[in-house]
Every structure is written in C-alpha cells, then in structure tokens.
Amino acid sequence: VAAQLEAIPGAVLRDSRTIEVAGPVPGLFRLFGLF
C-alpha cells in the first residue's frame, strides 16, 4: 500500500510501510480518503 501511495504527488515514504504527506489539514483529510 505504501509503495503504491508514493506515486501520489507530494507523498513520500518515511519507511517501507509509512507514507507521509504535508498540507493544510482539511486537504489532508480529503487526500486521506483517496489513500
């Protein structure tokens, strides 16, 4: 899952199973739905 999500612009791997992304919180909440 983390490897696939890394393809989303702005998403980066913190480790092999942890994805990280930054931005305003409401936008993160909506983006998490896509995750």
PDB file of all heavy atoms in Angstrom:
ATOM      1  N   VAL A   1       0.838  -1.202   0.000  1.00  0.00           N
ATOM      2  CA  VAL A   1       0.000   0.000   0.000  1.00  0.00           C
ATOM      3  C   VAL A   1       0.871   1.250   0.000  1.00  0.00           C
ATOM      4  O   VAL A   1       0.671   2.167  -0.802  1.00  0.00           O
ATOM      5  CB  VAL A   1      -0.952  -0.002   1.208  1.00  0.00           C
ATOM      6  CG1 VAL A   1      -1.701   1.328   1.295  1.00  0.00           C
ATOM      7  CG2 VAL A   1      -1.925  -1.165   1.115  1.00  0.00           C
ATOM      8  N   ALA A   2       1.854   1.296   0.884  1.00  0.00           N
ATOM      9  CA  ALA A   2       2.725   2.467   0.960  1.00  0.00           C
ATOM     10  C   ALA A   2       3.461   2.686  -0.351  1.00  0.00           C
ATOM     11  O   ALA A   2       3.609   3.826  -0.825  1.00  0.00           O
ATOM     12  CB  ALA A   2       3.712   2.311   2.110  1.00  0.00           C
ATOM     13  N   ALA A   3       3.916   1.612  -0.970  1.00  0.00           N
ATOM     14  CA  ALA A   3       4.649   1.728  -2.222  1.00  0.00           C
ATOM     15  C   ALA A   3       3.768   2.315  -3.323  1.00  0.00           C
ATOM     16  O   ALA A   3       4.227   3.122  -4.143  1.00  0.00           O
ATOM     17  CB  ALA A   3       5.180   0.368  -2.652  1.00  0.00           C
ATOM     18  N   GLN A   4       2.495   1.917  -3.372  1.00  0.00           N
ATOM     19  CA  GLN A   4       1.588   2.445  -4.380  1.00  0.00           C
ATOM     20  C   GLN A   4       1.252   3.913  -4.111  1.00  0.00           C
ATOM     21  O   GLN A   4       1.173   4.732  -5.031  1.00  0.00           O
ATOM     22  CB  GLN A   4       0.306   1.615  -4.423  1.00  0.00           C
ATOM     23  CG  GLN A   4       0.506   0.195  -4.901  1.00  0.00           C
ATOM     24  CD  GLN A   4       1.068   0.128  -6.308  1.00  0.00           C
ATOM     25  OE1 GLN A   4       0.584   0.820  -7.209  1.00  0.00           O
ATOM     26  NE2 GLN A   4       2.090  -0.682  -6.510  1.00  0.00           N
ATOM     27  N   LEU A   5       1.072   4.265  -2.838  1.00  0.00           N
ATOM     28  CA  LEU A   5       0.713   5.636  -2.496  1.00  0.00           C
ATOM     29  C   LEU A   5       1.848   6.619  -2.768  1.00  0.00           C
ATOM     30  O   LEU A   5       1.604   7.815  -2.965  1.00  0.00           O
ATOM     31  CB  LEU A   5       0.293   5.720  -1.025  1.00  0.00           C
ATOM     32  CG  LEU A   5      -1.002   5.006  -0.670  1.00  0.00           C
ATOM     33  CD1 LEU A   5      -1.231   5.063   0.832  1.00  0.00           C
ATOM     34  CD2 LEU A   5      -2.189   5.617  -1.407  1.00  0.00           C
ATOM     35  N   GLU A   6       3.067   6.132  -2.813  1.00  0.00           N
ATOM     36  CA  GLU A   6       4.205   7.013  -3.073  1.00  0.00           C
ATOM     37  C   GLU A   6       4.094   7.666  -4.452  1.00  0.00           C
ATOM     38  O   GLU A   6       4.696   8.717  -4.697  1.00  0.00           O
ATOM     39  CB  GLU A   6       5.519   6.232  -2.965  1.00  0.00           C
ATOM     40  CG  GLU A   6       6.746   7.116  -2.992  1.00  0.00           C
ATOM     41  CD  GLU A   6       8.048   6.320  -3.040  1.00  0.00           C
ATOM     42  OE1 GLU A   6       7.998   5.111  -3.345  1.00  0.00           O
ATOM     43  OE2 GLU A   6       9.106   6.922  -2.788  1.00  0.00           O
ATOM     44  N   ALA A   7       3.290   7.088  -5.338  1.00  0.00           N
ATOM     45  CA  ALA A   7       3.118   7.662  -6.677  1.00  0.00           C
ATOM     46  C   ALA A   7       2.278   8.937  -6.665  1.00  0.00           C
ATOM     47  O   ALA A   7       2.272   9.682  -7.645  1.00  0.00           O
ATOM     48  CB  ALA A   7       2.478   6.632  -7.604  1.00  0.00           C
ATOM     49  N   ILE A   8       1.568   9.193  -5.555  1.00  0.00           N
ATOM     50  CA  ILE A   8       0.752  10.401  -5.459  1.00  0.00           C
ATOM     51  C   ILE A   8       1.672  11.599  -5.241  1.00  0.00           C
ATOM     52  O   ILE A   8       2.522  11.574  -4.341  1.00  0.00           O
ATOM     53  CB  ILE A   8      -0.261  10.264  -4.311  1.00  0.00           C
ATOM     54  CG1 ILE A   8      -1.251   9.138  -4.628  1.00  0.00           C
ATOM     55  CG2 ILE A   8      -0.994  11.584  -4.068  1.00  0.00           C
ATOM     56  CD1 ILE A   8      -2.212   8.834  -3.508  1.00  0.00           C
ATOM     57  N   PRO A   9       1.554  12.644  -6.029  1.00  0.00           N
ATOM     58  CA  PRO A   9       2.440  13.805  -5.865  1.00  0.00           C
ATOM     59  C   PRO A   9       2.400  14.345  -4.443  1.00  0.00           C
ATOM     60  O   PRO A   9       1.334  14.536  -3.857  1.00  0.00           O
ATOM     61  CB  PRO A   9       1.866  14.817  -6.861  1.00  0.00           C
ATOM     62  CG  PRO A   9       1.220  13.980  -7.917  1.00  0.00           C
ATOM     63  CD  PRO A   9       0.646  12.800  -7.188  1.00  0.00           C
ATOM     64  N   GLY A  10       3.585  14.554  -3.879  1.00  0.00           N
ATOM     65  CA  GLY A  10       3.710  15.075  -2.528  1.00  0.00           C
ATOM     66  C   GLY A  10       3.846  14.013  -1.464  1.00  0.00           C
ATOM     67  O   GLY A  10       4.265  14.308  -0.341  1.00  0.00           O
ATOM     68  N   ALA A  11       3.481  12.775  -1.768  1.00  0.00           N
ATOM     69  CA  ALA A  11       3.586  11.689  -0.790  1.00  0.00           C
ATOM     70  C   ALA A  11       4.983  11.086  -0.844  1.00  0.00           C
ATOM     71  O   ALA A  11       5.524  10.831  -1.919  1.00  0.00           O
ATOM     72  CB  ALA A  11       2.537  10.617  -1.072  1.00  0.00           C
ATOM     73  N   VAL A  12       5.555  10.862   0.329  1.00  0.00           N
ATOM     74  CA  VAL A  12       6.898  10.282   0.410  1.00  0.00           C
ATOM     75  C   VAL A  12       6.897   9.148   1.424  1.00  0.00           C
ATOM     76  O   VAL A  12       6.063   9.103   2.341  1.00  0.00           O
ATOM     77  CB  VAL A  12       7.958  11.341   0.812  1.00  0.00           C
ATOM     78  CG1 VAL A  12       8.052  12.421  -0.236  1.00  0.00           C
ATOM     79  CG2 VAL A  12       7.624  11.946   2.169  1.00  0.00           C
ATOM     80  N   LEU A  13       7.819   8.236   1.271  1.00  0.00           N
ATOM     81  CA  LEU A  13       7.958   7.131   2.208  1.00  0.00           C
ATOM     82  C   LEU A  13       8.810   7.554   3.395  1.00  0.00           C
ATOM     83  O   LEU A  13       9.927   8.049   3.222  1.00  0.00           O
ATOM     84  CB  LEU A  13       8.594   5.917   1.524  1.00  0.00           C
ATOM     85  CG  LEU A  13       7.723   5.154   0.527  1.00  0.00           C
ATOM     86  CD1 LEU A  13       8.558   4.073  -0.161  1.00  0.00           C
ATOM     87  CD2 LEU A  13       6.525   4.531   1.225  1.00  0.00           C
ATOM     88  N   ARG A  14       8.296   7.357   4.592  1.00  0.00           N
ATOM     89  CA  ARG A  14       9.089   7.531   5.806  1.00  0.00           C
ATOM     90  C   ARG A  14       9.871   6.256   6.092  1.00  0.00           C
ATOM     91  O   ARG A  14      10.993   6.282   6.565  1.00  0.00           O
ATOM     92  CB  ARG A  14       8.184   7.881   6.984  1.00  0.00           C
ATOM     93  CG  ARG A  14       8.902   8.065   8.291  1.00  0.00           C
ATOM     94  CD  ARG A  14       7.954   8.384   9.438  1.00  0.00           C
ATOM     95  NE  ARG A  14       7.436   9.742   9.359  1.00  0.00           N
ATOM     96  CZ  ARG A  14       6.682  10.298  10.310  1.00  0.00           C
ATOM     97  NH1 ARG A  14       6.348   9.603  11.391  1.00  0.00           N
ATOM     98  NH2 ARG A  14       6.257  11.531  10.177  1.00  0.00           N
ATOM     99  N   ASP A  15       9.245   5.114   5.857  1.00  0.00           N
ATOM    100  CA  ASP A  15       9.893   3.801   5.852  1.00  0.00           C
ATOM    101  C   ASP A  15       9.066   2.934   4.918  1.00  0.00           C
ATOM    102  O   ASP A  15       8.165   3.425   4.245  1.00  0.00           O
ATOM    103  CB  ASP A  15       9.996   3.202   7.269  1.00  0.00           C
ATOM    104  CG  ASP A  15       8.659   3.048   7.964  1.00  0.00           C
ATOM    105  OD1 ASP A  15       7.717   2.511   7.340  1.00  0.00           O
ATOM    106  OD2 ASP A  15       8.525   3.469   9.135  1.00  0.00           O
ATOM    107  N   SER A  16       9.338   1.646   4.857  1.00  0.00           N
ATOM    108  CA  SER A  16       8.712   0.814   3.829  1.00  0.00           C
ATOM    109  C   SER A  16       7.196   0.707   3.958  1.00  0.00           C
ATOM    110  O   SER A  16       6.510   0.387   2.984  1.00  0.00           O
ATOM    111  CB  SER A  16       9.322  -0.595   3.856  1.00  0.00           C
ATOM    112  OG  SER A  16       9.020  -1.247   5.080  1.00  0.00           O
ATOM    113  N   ARG A  17       6.653   0.985   5.136  1.00  0.00           N
ATOM    114  CA  ARG A  17       5.210   0.860   5.325  1.00  0.00           C
ATOM    115  C   ARG A  17       4.536   2.154   5.758  1.00  0.00           C
ATOM    116  O   ARG A  17       3.336   2.164   6.019  1.00  0.00           O
ATOM    117  CB  ARG A  17       4.904  -0.245   6.349  1.00  0.00           C
ATOM    118  CG  ARG A  17       5.198  -1.635   5.827  1.00  0.00           C
ATOM    119  CD  ARG A  17       4.626  -2.716   6.726  1.00  0.00           C
ATOM    120  NE  ARG A  17       5.367  -2.845   7.979  1.00  0.00           N
ATOM    121  CZ  ARG A  17       4.810  -2.934   9.183  1.00  0.00           C
ATOM    122  NH1 ARG A  17       3.499  -2.853   9.316  1.00  0.00           N
ATOM    123  NH2 ARG A  17       5.554  -3.075  10.255  1.00  0.00           N
ATOM    124  N   THR A  18       5.283   3.246   5.834  1.00  0.00           N
ATOM    125  CA  THR A  18       4.727   4.509   6.320  1.00  0.00           C
ATOM    126  C   THR A  18       4.821   5.577   5.245  1.00  0.00           C
ATOM    127  O   THR A  18       5.905   5.867   4.742  1.00  0.00           O
ATOM    128  CB  THR A  18       5.471   4.983   7.583  1.00  0.00           C
ATOM    129  OG1 THR A  18       5.458   3.933   8.554  1.00  0.00           O
ATOM    130  CG2 THR A  18       4.795   6.217   8.172  1.00  0.00           C
ATOM    131  N   ILE A  19       3.667   6.140   4.894  1.00  0.00           N
ATOM    132  CA  ILE A  19       3.609   7.202   3.891  1.00  0.00           C
ATOM    133  C   ILE A  19       3.385   8.526   4.600  1.00  0.00           C
ATOM    134  O   ILE A  19       2.675   8.597   5.606  1.00  0.00           O
ATOM    135  CB  ILE A  19       2.493   6.919   2.859  1.00  0.00           C
ATOM    136  CG1 ILE A  19       2.735   7.694   1.561  1.00  0.00           C
ATOM    137  CG2 ILE A  19       1.122   7.162   3.417  1.00  0.00           C
ATOM    138  CD1 ILE A  19       3.812   7.118   0.690  1.00  0.00           C
ATOM    139  N   GLU A  20       3.971   9.580   4.073  1.00  0.00           N
ATOM    140  CA  GLU A  20       3.906  10.902   4.704  1.00  0.00           C
ATOM    141  C   GLU A  20       3.561  11.936   3.651  1.00  0.00           C
ATOM    142  O   GLU A  20       4.026  11.880   2.519  1.00  0.00           O
ATOM    143  CB  GLU A  20       5.257  11.207   5.346  1.00  0.00           C
ATOM    144  CG  GLU A  20       5.364  12.533   6.046  1.00  0.00           C
ATOM    145  CD  GLU A  20       6.730  12.714   6.689  1.00  0.00           C
ATOM    146  OE1 GLU A  20       7.031  11.995   7.658  1.00  0.00           O
ATOM    147  OE2 GLU A  20       7.495  13.546   6.188  1.00  0.00           O
ATOM    148  N   VAL A  21       2.716  12.903   4.052  1.00  0.00           N
ATOM    149  CA  VAL A  21       2.337  13.974   3.135  1.00  0.00           C
ATOM    150  C   VAL A  21       2.024  15.218   3.956  1.00  0.00           C
ATOM    151  O   VAL A  21       1.572  15.118   5.100  1.00  0.00           O
ATOM    152  CB  VAL A  21       1.120  13.552   2.271  1.00  0.00           C
ATOM    153  CG1 VAL A  21      -0.113  13.337   3.125  1.00  0.00           C
ATOM    154  CG2 VAL A  21       0.858  14.542   1.161  1.00  0.00           C
ATOM    155  N   ALA A  22       2.285  16.390   3.396  1.00  0.00           N
ATOM    156  CA  ALA A  22       2.082  17.643   4.129  1.00  0.00           C
ATOM    157  C   ALA A  22       1.112  18.542   3.383  1.00  0.00           C
ATOM    158  O   ALA A  22       0.995  18.491   2.149  1.00  0.00           O
ATOM    159  CB  ALA A  22       3.410  18.362   4.330  1.00  0.00           C
ATOM    160  N   GLY A  23       0.414  19.395   4.157  1.00  0.00           N
ATOM    161  CA  GLY A  23      -0.510  20.362   3.575  1.00  0.00           C
ATOM    162  C   GLY A  23      -1.504  20.823   4.613  1.00  0.00           C
ATOM    163  O   GLY A  23      -1.481  20.369   5.759  1.00  0.00           O
ATOM    164  N   PRO A  24      -2.407  21.734   4.274  1.00  0.00           N
ATOM    165  CA  PRO A  24      -3.464  22.139   5.199  1.00  0.00           C
ATOM    166  C   PRO A  24      -4.306  20.933   5.612  1.00  0.00           C
ATOM    167  O   PRO A  24      -4.561  20.038   4.798  1.00  0.00           O
ATOM    168  CB  PRO A  24      -4.279  23.152   4.394  1.00  0.00           C
ATOM    169  CG  PRO A  24      -3.319  23.655   3.356  1.00  0.00           C
ATOM    170  CD  PRO A  24      -2.456  22.486   3.011  1.00  0.00           C
ATOM    171  N   VAL A  25      -4.751  20.919   6.856  1.00  0.00           N
ATOM    172  CA  VAL A  25      -5.399  19.725   7.401  1.00  0.00           C
ATOM    173  C   VAL A  25      -6.660  19.329   6.634  1.00  0.00           C
ATOM    174  O   VAL A  25      -6.839  18.135   6.335  1.00  0.00           O
ATOM    175  CB  VAL A  25      -5.678  19.899   8.902  1.00  0.00           C
ATOM    176  CG1 VAL A  25      -6.446  18.692   9.454  1.00  0.00           C
ATOM    177  CG2 VAL A  25      -4.366  20.071   9.663  1.00  0.00           C
ATOM    178  N   PRO A  26      -7.576  20.243   6.283  1.00  0.00           N
ATOM    179  CA  PRO A  26      -8.750  19.783   5.521  1.00  0.00           C
ATOM    180  C   PRO A  26      -8.380  19.099   4.213  1.00  0.00           C
ATOM    181  O   PRO A  26      -9.003  18.110   3.822  1.00  0.00           O
ATOM    182  CB  PRO A  26      -9.535  21.077   5.291  1.00  0.00           C
ATOM    183  CG  PRO A  26      -9.149  21.955   6.438  1.00  0.00           C
ATOM    184  CD  PRO A  26      -7.681  21.668   6.640  1.00  0.00           C
ATOM    185  N   GLY A  27      -7.348  19.607   3.552  1.00  0.00           N
ATOM    186  CA  GLY A  27      -6.889  18.960   2.329  1.00  0.00           C
ATOM    187  C   GLY A  27      -6.299  17.589   2.594  1.00  0.00           C
ATOM    188  O   GLY A  27      -6.492  16.654   1.809  1.00  0.00           O
ATOM    189  N   LEU A  28      -5.600  17.445   3.712  1.00  0.00           N
ATOM    190  CA  LEU A  28      -5.059  16.134   4.083  1.00  0.00           C
ATOM    191  C   LEU A  28      -6.175  15.145   4.369  1.00  0.00           C
ATOM    192  O   LEU A  28      -6.079  13.964   4.031  1.00  0.00           O
ATOM    193  CB  LEU A  28      -4.158  16.266   5.318  1.00  0.00           C
ATOM    194  CG  LEU A  28      -2.853  17.043   5.150  1.00  0.00           C
ATOM    195  CD1 LEU A  28      -2.113  17.114   6.473  1.00  0.00           C
ATOM    196  CD2 LEU A  28      -1.969  16.417   4.071  1.00  0.00           C
ATOM    197  N   PHE A  29      -7.250  15.630   5.007  1.00  0.00           N
ATOM    198  CA  PHE A  29      -8.373  14.750   5.316  1.00  0.00           C
ATOM    199  C   PHE A  29      -8.996  14.217   4.025  1.00  0.00           C
ATOM    200  O   PHE A  29      -9.298  13.024   3.907  1.00  0.00           O
ATOM    201  CB  PHE A  29      -9.415  15.510   6.143  1.00  0.00           C
ATOM    202  CG  PHE A  29     -10.431  14.632   6.797  1.00  0.00           C
ATOM    203  CD1 PHE A  29     -10.187  14.078   8.042  1.00  0.00           C
ATOM    204  CD2 PHE A  29     -11.637  14.364   6.181  1.00  0.00           C
ATOM    205  CE1 PHE A  29     -11.128  13.260   8.664  1.00  0.00           C
ATOM    206  CE2 PHE A  29     -12.586  13.553   6.786  1.00  0.00           C
ATOM    207  CZ  PHE A  29     -12.335  13.003   8.032  1.00  0.00           C
ATOM    208  N   ARG A  30      -9.164  15.103   3.052  1.00  0.00           N
ATOM    209  CA  ARG A  30      -9.719  14.654   1.768  1.00  0.00           C
ATOM    210  C   ARG A  30      -8.744  13.727   1.048  1.00  0.00           C
ATOM    211  O   ARG A  30      -9.152  12.698   0.487  1.00  0.00           O
ATOM    212  CB  ARG A  30     -10.053  15.865   0.895  1.00  0.00           C
ATOM    213  CG  ARG A  30     -10.665  15.460  -0.430  1.00  0.00           C
ATOM    214  CD  ARG A  30     -11.087  16.650  -1.265  1.00  0.00           C
ATOM    215  NE  ARG A  30     -11.624  16.206  -2.549  1.00  0.00           N
ATOM    216  CZ  ARG A  30     -12.023  17.006  -3.506  1.00  0.00           C
ATOM    217  NH1 ARG A  30     -11.979  18.321  -3.340  1.00  0.00           N
ATOM    218  NH2 ARG A  30     -12.490  16.519  -4.653  1.00  0.00           N
ATOM    219  N   LEU A  31      -7.461  14.057   1.053  1.00  0.00           N
ATOM    220  CA  LEU A  31      -6.463  13.212   0.398  1.00  0.00           C
ATOM    221  C   LEU A  31      -6.399  11.840   1.042  1.00  0.00           C
ATOM    222  O   LEU A  31      -6.220  10.824   0.366  1.00  0.00           O
ATOM    223  CB  LEU A  31      -5.092  13.892   0.452  1.00  0.00           C
ATOM    224  CG  LEU A  31      -3.931  13.146  -0.214  1.00  0.00           C
ATOM    225  CD1 LEU A  31      -4.190  12.947  -1.703  1.00  0.00           C
ATOM    226  CD2 LEU A  31      -2.623  13.903  -0.002  1.00  0.00           C
ATOM    227  N   PHE A  32      -6.564  11.789   2.367  1.00  0.00           N
ATOM    228  CA  PHE A  32      -6.552  10.510   3.056  1.00  0.00           C
ATOM    229  C   PHE A  32      -7.679   9.600   2.559  1.00  0.00           C
ATOM    230  O   PHE A  32      -7.523   8.377   2.509  1.00  0.00           O
ATOM    231  CB  PHE A  32      -6.665  10.731   4.565  1.00  0.00           C
ATOM    232  CG  PHE A  32      -6.733   9.456   5.357  1.00  0.00           C
ATOM    233  CD1 PHE A  32      -5.638   8.625   5.467  1.00  0.00           C
ATOM    234  CD2 PHE A  32      -7.918   9.078   5.989  1.00  0.00           C
ATOM    235  CE1 PHE A  32      -5.704   7.449   6.187  1.00  0.00           C
ATOM    236  CE2 PHE A  32      -7.992   7.915   6.716  1.00  0.00           C
ATOM    237  CZ  PHE A  32      -6.880   7.090   6.813  1.00  0.00           C
ATOM    238  N   GLY A  33      -8.800  10.193   2.198  1.00  0.00           N
ATOM    239  CA  GLY A  33      -9.867   9.393   1.601  1.00  0.00           C
ATOM    240  C   GLY A  33      -9.409   8.699   0.331  1.00  0.00           C
ATOM    241  O   GLY A  33      -9.758   7.545   0.070  1.00  0.00           O
ATOM    242  N   LEU A  34      -8.601   9.390  -0.466  1.00  0.00           N
ATOM    243  CA  LEU A  34      -8.020   8.777  -1.668  1.00  0.00           C
ATOM    244  C   LEU A  34      -7.058   7.663  -1.272  1.00  0.00           C
ATOM    245  O   LEU A  34      -7.046   6.593  -1.895  1.00  0.00           O
ATOM    246  CB  LEU A  34      -7.297   9.839  -2.501  1.00  0.00           C
ATOM    247  CG  LEU A  34      -6.543   9.337  -3.734  1.00  0.00           C
ATOM    248  CD1 LEU A  34      -7.489   8.658  -4.715  1.00  0.00           C
ATOM    249  CD2 LEU A  34      -5.805  10.495  -4.406  1.00  0.00           C
ATOM    250  N   PHE A  35      -6.249   7.886  -0.241  1.00  0.00           N
ATOM    251  CA  PHE A  35      -5.363   6.829   0.258  1.00  0.00           C
ATOM    252  C   PHE A  35      -6.157   5.556   0.539  1.00  0.00           C
ATOM    253  O   PHE A  35      -5.753   4.445   0.177  1.00  0.00           O
ATOM    254  CB  PHE A  35      -4.663   7.273   1.544  1.00  0.00           C
ATOM    255  CG  PHE A  35      -3.543   8.264   1.371  1.00  0.00           C
ATOM    256  CD1 PHE A  35      -3.251   8.827   0.144  1.00  0.00           C
ATOM    257  CD2 PHE A  35      -2.774   8.629   2.457  1.00  0.00           C
ATOM    258  CE1 PHE A  35      -2.208   9.728   0.001  1.00  0.00           C
ATOM    259  CE2 PHE A  35      -1.732   9.523   2.336  1.00  0.00           C
ATOM    260  CZ  PHE A  35      -1.455  10.085   1.108  1.00  0.00           C
TER     261      PHE A  35
END
